[in-house]
């Protein structure tokens, strides 16, 4: 299963969803957790008075993360979380080392 992670350093889950300009894509299997891709996205958090939810940006992020089952980040606002879930992604707030955390999260699927 593919899981997208917001990380500043590539080692830990430590970035807010809205601040991410890239997501690391991990393949999580019974054999382990492996980095397989990186998707560059437009940063969600930048104020736009005409489009406060910025649904077009969330759709673009969803398109970039197509094929991923879940998104894991350090924080996510309620509006973006609900929209990403509506677009088909499970969302999780977590922190700590990426690989052990993803191995633990995979147990709930």
N, C-alpha and C. Protein backbone atom coordinates (compact mmCIF):
# COMPACT_ATOMS: atom_id res chain seq x y z
N UNK A 1 0.84 -1.16 0.00
CA UNK A 1 0.00 0.00 0.00
C UNK A 1 0.89 1.23 0.00
N UNK A 2 0.47 2.25 -0.73
CA UNK A 2 1.24 3.49 -0.80
C UNK A 2 0.71 4.51 0.20
N UNK A 3 1.63 5.15 0.91
CA UNK A 3 1.29 6.17 1.89
C UNK A 3 2.16 7.39 1.63
N UNK A 4 1.51 8.57 1.60
CA UNK A 4 2.21 9.84 1.40
C UNK A 4 2.55 10.45 2.76
N UNK A 5 3.76 10.98 2.88
CA UNK A 5 4.23 11.55 4.15
C UNK A 5 4.74 12.97 3.93
N UNK A 6 4.32 13.86 4.84
CA UNK A 6 4.85 15.22 4.84
C UNK A 6 6.03 15.28 5.80
N UNK A 7 7.21 15.55 5.24
CA UNK A 7 8.44 15.56 6.05
C UNK A 7 9.38 16.63 5.53
N UNK A 8 9.95 17.40 6.44
CA UNK A 8 10.94 18.41 6.06
C UNK A 8 12.30 17.78 5.79
N UNK A 9 12.62 16.73 6.55
CA UNK A 9 13.97 16.17 6.49
C UNK A 9 14.08 14.79 5.87
N UNK A 10 12.96 14.17 5.52
CA UNK A 10 12.99 12.84 4.92
C UNK A 10 13.23 11.72 5.92
N UNK A 11 13.31 12.06 7.20
CA UNK A 11 13.55 11.05 8.24
C UNK A 11 12.39 10.94 9.21
N UNK A 12 11.75 12.09 9.48
CA UNK A 12 10.68 12.10 10.47
C UNK A 12 9.42 12.74 9.89
N UNK A 13 8.28 12.38 10.47
CA UNK A 13 7.02 13.02 10.12
C UNK A 13 6.99 14.31 10.94
N UNK A 14 7.22 15.43 10.28
CA UNK A 14 7.40 16.67 11.02
C UNK A 14 6.91 17.91 10.26
N UNK A 15 6.00 17.70 9.31
CA UNK A 15 5.55 18.86 8.54
C UNK A 15 4.03 18.92 8.51
N UNK A 16 3.50 20.14 8.63
CA UNK A 16 2.07 20.40 8.53
C UNK A 16 1.65 20.16 7.08
N UNK A 17 0.49 19.56 6.89
CA UNK A 17 -0.04 19.29 5.55
C UNK A 17 0.00 20.54 4.68
N UNK A 18 -0.50 21.64 5.21
CA UNK A 18 -0.59 22.87 4.43
C UNK A 18 0.71 23.53 4.09
N UNK A 19 1.79 23.15 4.76
CA UNK A 19 3.10 23.73 4.49
C UNK A 19 3.93 22.87 3.54
N UNK A 20 3.46 21.67 3.28
CA UNK A 20 4.23 20.73 2.45
C UNK A 20 4.28 21.18 1.00
N UNK A 21 5.47 21.17 0.45
CA UNK A 21 5.68 21.43 -0.98
C UNK A 21 6.09 20.15 -1.70
N UNK A 22 6.16 19.08 -0.90
CA UNK A 22 6.44 17.76 -1.46
C UNK A 22 5.91 16.71 -0.49
N UNK A 23 5.58 15.56 -1.01
CA UNK A 23 5.21 14.42 -0.20
C UNK A 23 6.09 13.25 -0.60
N UNK A 24 6.61 12.57 0.39
CA UNK A 24 7.39 11.36 0.15
C UNK A 24 6.41 10.20 0.08
N UNK A 25 6.58 9.35 -0.92
CA UNK A 25 5.66 8.23 -1.12
C UNK A 25 6.37 6.95 -0.72
N UNK A 26 5.76 6.24 0.23
CA UNK A 26 6.32 4.99 0.74
C UNK A 26 5.41 3.83 0.37
N UNK A 27 6.04 2.73 0.00
CA UNK A 27 5.31 1.48 -0.21
C UNK A 27 5.46 0.67 1.08
N UNK A 28 4.33 0.39 1.70
CA UNK A 28 4.32 -0.33 2.96
C UNK A 28 3.75 -1.72 2.72
N UNK A 29 4.59 -2.74 2.96
CA UNK A 29 4.19 -4.13 2.76
C UNK A 29 4.56 -4.94 3.99
N UNK A 30 4.22 -6.20 3.97
CA UNK A 30 4.59 -7.08 5.07
C UNK A 30 6.12 -7.19 5.18
N UNK A 31 6.82 -6.95 4.09
CA UNK A 31 8.29 -7.04 4.08
C UNK A 31 8.98 -5.78 4.59
N UNK A 32 8.22 -4.67 4.73
CA UNK A 32 8.84 -3.46 5.25
C UNK A 32 8.30 -2.19 4.61
N UNK A 33 9.02 -1.10 4.85
CA UNK A 33 8.64 0.23 4.40
C UNK A 33 9.74 0.75 3.50
N UNK A 34 9.37 1.13 2.26
CA UNK A 34 10.38 1.54 1.29
C UNK A 34 9.95 2.84 0.60
N UNK A 35 10.85 3.82 0.56
CA UNK A 35 10.61 5.05 -0.18
C UNK A 35 10.62 4.73 -1.66
N UNK A 36 9.54 5.12 -2.38
CA UNK A 36 9.46 4.79 -3.80
C UNK A 36 9.31 6.00 -4.71
N UNK A 37 8.95 7.16 -4.14
CA UNK A 37 8.72 8.32 -5.00
C UNK A 37 8.65 9.59 -4.15
N UNK A 38 8.67 10.70 -4.83
CA UNK A 38 8.48 12.00 -4.20
C UNK A 38 7.61 12.82 -5.14
N UNK A 39 6.56 13.43 -4.59
CA UNK A 39 5.65 14.24 -5.40
C UNK A 39 5.72 15.68 -4.95
N UNK A 40 6.06 16.56 -5.88
CA UNK A 40 6.11 17.99 -5.61
C UNK A 40 4.70 18.53 -5.83
N UNK A 41 4.23 19.36 -4.88
CA UNK A 41 2.88 19.92 -4.94
C UNK A 41 2.93 21.41 -4.64
N UNK A 42 1.84 22.09 -4.97
CA UNK A 42 1.70 23.49 -4.58
C UNK A 42 1.35 23.54 -3.10
N UNK A 43 1.99 24.39 -2.39
CA UNK A 43 1.73 24.55 -0.95
C UNK A 43 0.28 25.01 -0.75
N UNK A 44 -0.44 24.31 0.11
CA UNK A 44 -1.85 24.62 0.36
C UNK A 44 -2.02 25.93 1.14
N UNK A 45 -1.22 26.14 2.16
CA UNK A 45 -1.38 27.31 3.03
C UNK A 45 -0.75 28.54 2.43
N UNK A 46 -1.56 29.32 1.78
CA UNK A 46 -1.20 30.67 1.36
C UNK A 46 -2.54 31.36 1.15
N UNK A 47 -2.77 32.40 1.87
CA UNK A 47 -4.09 33.02 1.94
C UNK A 47 -4.58 33.47 0.57
N UNK A 48 -5.81 33.11 0.27
CA UNK A 48 -6.47 33.50 -0.97
C UNK A 48 -7.89 33.91 -0.59
N UNK A 49 -8.14 35.19 -0.53
CA UNK A 49 -9.43 35.72 -0.08
C UNK A 49 -10.59 35.20 -0.93
N UNK A 50 -10.37 35.02 -2.21
CA UNK A 50 -11.44 34.56 -3.10
C UNK A 50 -11.72 33.07 -2.98
N UNK A 51 -10.74 32.31 -2.49
CA UNK A 51 -10.88 30.86 -2.37
C UNK A 51 -10.31 30.41 -1.03
N UNK A 52 -11.02 30.68 0.08
CA UNK A 52 -10.45 30.38 1.40
C UNK A 52 -10.14 28.90 1.61
N UNK A 53 -10.94 27.99 1.09
CA UNK A 53 -10.64 26.57 1.24
C UNK A 53 -9.59 26.12 0.22
N UNK A 54 -9.48 26.85 -0.87
CA UNK A 54 -8.52 26.51 -1.94
C UNK A 54 -8.72 25.08 -2.42
N UNK A 55 -9.98 24.75 -2.69
CA UNK A 55 -10.32 23.39 -3.12
C UNK A 55 -9.55 22.98 -4.37
N UNK A 56 -9.27 23.93 -5.25
CA UNK A 56 -8.52 23.60 -6.46
C UNK A 56 -7.12 23.10 -6.12
N UNK A 57 -6.51 23.64 -5.07
CA UNK A 57 -5.18 23.18 -4.67
C UNK A 57 -5.28 21.79 -4.04
N UNK A 58 -6.32 21.57 -3.24
CA UNK A 58 -6.50 20.24 -2.64
C UNK A 58 -6.73 19.18 -3.71
N UNK A 59 -7.50 19.52 -4.75
CA UNK A 59 -7.70 18.57 -5.85
C UNK A 59 -6.39 18.27 -6.57
N UNK A 60 -5.56 19.30 -6.75
CA UNK A 60 -4.27 19.10 -7.41
C UNK A 60 -3.36 18.21 -6.55
N UNK A 61 -3.39 18.41 -5.24
CA UNK A 61 -2.61 17.55 -4.35
C UNK A 61 -3.13 16.12 -4.43
N UNK A 62 -4.45 15.96 -4.42
CA UNK A 62 -5.04 14.62 -4.53
C UNK A 62 -4.62 13.96 -5.84
N UNK A 63 -4.61 14.71 -6.93
CA UNK A 63 -4.18 14.16 -8.22
C UNK A 63 -2.72 13.71 -8.15
N UNK A 64 -1.87 14.53 -7.53
CA UNK A 64 -0.44 14.18 -7.42
C UNK A 64 -0.24 12.93 -6.58
N UNK A 65 -1.10 12.73 -5.57
CA UNK A 65 -0.96 11.58 -4.67
C UNK A 65 -1.82 10.40 -5.08
N UNK A 66 -2.35 10.44 -6.30
CA UNK A 66 -3.20 9.36 -6.80
C UNK A 66 -2.51 8.00 -6.61
N UNK A 67 -3.25 7.07 -6.09
CA UNK A 67 -2.71 5.74 -5.83
C UNK A 67 -2.32 5.52 -4.39
N UNK A 68 -2.19 6.60 -3.63
CA UNK A 68 -1.87 6.48 -2.20
C UNK A 68 -3.14 6.19 -1.41
N UNK A 69 -3.01 5.36 -0.42
CA UNK A 69 -4.15 5.03 0.44
C UNK A 69 -4.34 6.07 1.53
N UNK A 70 -3.22 6.64 2.02
CA UNK A 70 -3.29 7.54 3.17
C UNK A 70 -2.27 8.65 3.04
N UNK A 71 -2.51 9.70 3.85
CA UNK A 71 -1.60 10.82 3.99
C UNK A 71 -1.28 10.95 5.48
N UNK A 72 0.01 11.07 5.79
CA UNK A 72 0.44 11.21 7.17
C UNK A 72 1.23 12.51 7.28
N UNK A 73 0.85 13.33 8.27
CA UNK A 73 1.50 14.62 8.46
C UNK A 73 1.48 14.98 9.94
N UNK A 74 2.24 16.01 10.30
CA UNK A 74 2.33 16.43 11.69
C UNK A 74 1.06 17.15 12.15
N UNK A 75 0.39 17.85 11.24
CA UNK A 75 -0.87 18.53 11.52
C UNK A 75 -1.62 18.71 10.22
N UNK A 76 -2.95 18.82 10.34
CA UNK A 76 -3.79 19.15 9.18
C UNK A 76 -5.04 19.82 9.73
N UNK A 77 -5.45 20.90 9.08
CA UNK A 77 -6.67 21.60 9.50
C UNK A 77 -7.90 20.77 9.19
N UNK A 78 -8.98 21.07 9.89
CA UNK A 78 -10.21 20.30 9.73
C UNK A 78 -10.77 20.38 8.31
N UNK A 79 -10.76 21.57 7.70
CA UNK A 79 -11.28 21.72 6.34
C UNK A 79 -10.51 20.88 5.33
N UNK A 80 -9.18 21.03 5.27
CA UNK A 80 -8.40 20.21 4.33
C UNK A 80 -8.51 18.71 4.64
N UNK A 81 -8.57 18.36 5.91
CA UNK A 81 -8.69 16.95 6.27
C UNK A 81 -10.00 16.37 5.73
N UNK A 82 -11.09 17.07 5.94
CA UNK A 82 -12.38 16.58 5.46
C UNK A 82 -12.40 16.47 3.93
N UNK A 83 -11.80 17.45 3.26
CA UNK A 83 -11.78 17.42 1.80
C UNK A 83 -10.90 16.29 1.28
N UNK A 84 -9.74 16.08 1.89
CA UNK A 84 -8.87 14.98 1.43
C UNK A 84 -9.55 13.63 1.68
N UNK A 85 -10.26 13.51 2.79
CA UNK A 85 -10.99 12.27 3.05
C UNK A 85 -12.12 12.10 2.03
N UNK A 86 -12.79 13.20 1.68
CA UNK A 86 -13.84 13.13 0.66
C UNK A 86 -13.25 12.70 -0.69
N UNK A 87 -12.01 13.10 -0.94
CA UNK A 87 -11.34 12.74 -2.19
C UNK A 87 -10.73 11.33 -2.15
N UNK A 88 -10.91 10.61 -1.03
CA UNK A 88 -10.53 9.20 -0.99
C UNK A 88 -9.29 8.84 -0.20
N UNK A 89 -8.76 9.75 0.59
CA UNK A 89 -7.55 9.47 1.36
C UNK A 89 -7.88 9.35 2.84
N UNK A 90 -7.30 8.37 3.50
CA UNK A 90 -7.30 8.35 4.95
C UNK A 90 -6.22 9.35 5.37
N UNK A 91 -6.49 10.13 6.41
CA UNK A 91 -5.48 11.08 6.88
C UNK A 91 -5.13 10.78 8.33
N UNK A 92 -3.86 10.91 8.64
CA UNK A 92 -3.37 10.64 9.99
C UNK A 92 -2.42 11.75 10.43
N UNK A 93 -2.56 12.14 11.68
CA UNK A 93 -1.63 13.07 12.29
C UNK A 93 -0.71 12.25 13.18
N UNK A 94 0.59 12.40 12.94
CA UNK A 94 1.58 11.62 13.70
C UNK A 94 2.89 12.40 13.69
N UNK A 95 3.81 11.95 14.53
CA UNK A 95 5.16 12.51 14.48
C UNK A 95 6.13 11.40 14.86
N UNK A 96 7.38 11.62 14.53
CA UNK A 96 8.40 10.63 14.83
C UNK A 96 9.00 10.06 13.56
N UNK A 97 9.89 9.07 13.72
CA UNK A 97 10.56 8.46 12.57
C UNK A 97 9.55 7.85 11.59
N UNK A 98 9.77 8.09 10.32
CA UNK A 98 8.81 7.69 9.28
C UNK A 98 8.60 6.18 9.23
N UNK A 99 9.65 5.42 9.04
CA UNK A 99 9.47 3.99 8.77
C UNK A 99 8.78 3.24 9.91
N UNK A 100 9.21 3.42 11.17
CA UNK A 100 8.49 2.71 12.25
C UNK A 100 7.03 3.16 12.39
N UNK A 101 6.77 4.44 12.18
CA UNK A 101 5.40 4.94 12.27
C UNK A 101 4.52 4.36 11.19
N UNK A 102 5.02 4.29 9.96
CA UNK A 102 4.24 3.72 8.88
C UNK A 102 3.99 2.24 9.08
N UNK A 103 4.97 1.54 9.61
CA UNK A 103 4.78 0.11 9.91
C UNK A 103 3.66 -0.07 10.93
N UNK A 104 3.60 0.81 11.94
CA UNK A 104 2.53 0.74 12.93
C UNK A 104 1.18 1.10 12.34
N UNK A 105 1.14 2.17 11.54
CA UNK A 105 -0.11 2.58 10.93
C UNK A 105 -0.67 1.54 9.98
N UNK A 106 0.21 0.82 9.31
CA UNK A 106 -0.25 -0.20 8.36
C UNK A 106 -1.03 -1.31 9.02
N UNK A 107 -0.86 -1.49 10.32
CA UNK A 107 -1.57 -2.55 11.05
C UNK A 107 -3.06 -2.27 11.16
N UNK A 108 -3.47 -1.01 10.98
CA UNK A 108 -4.89 -0.71 11.10
C UNK A 108 -5.65 -0.89 9.79
N UNK A 109 -4.95 -1.12 8.70
CA UNK A 109 -5.62 -1.31 7.41
C UNK A 109 -5.96 -2.75 7.19
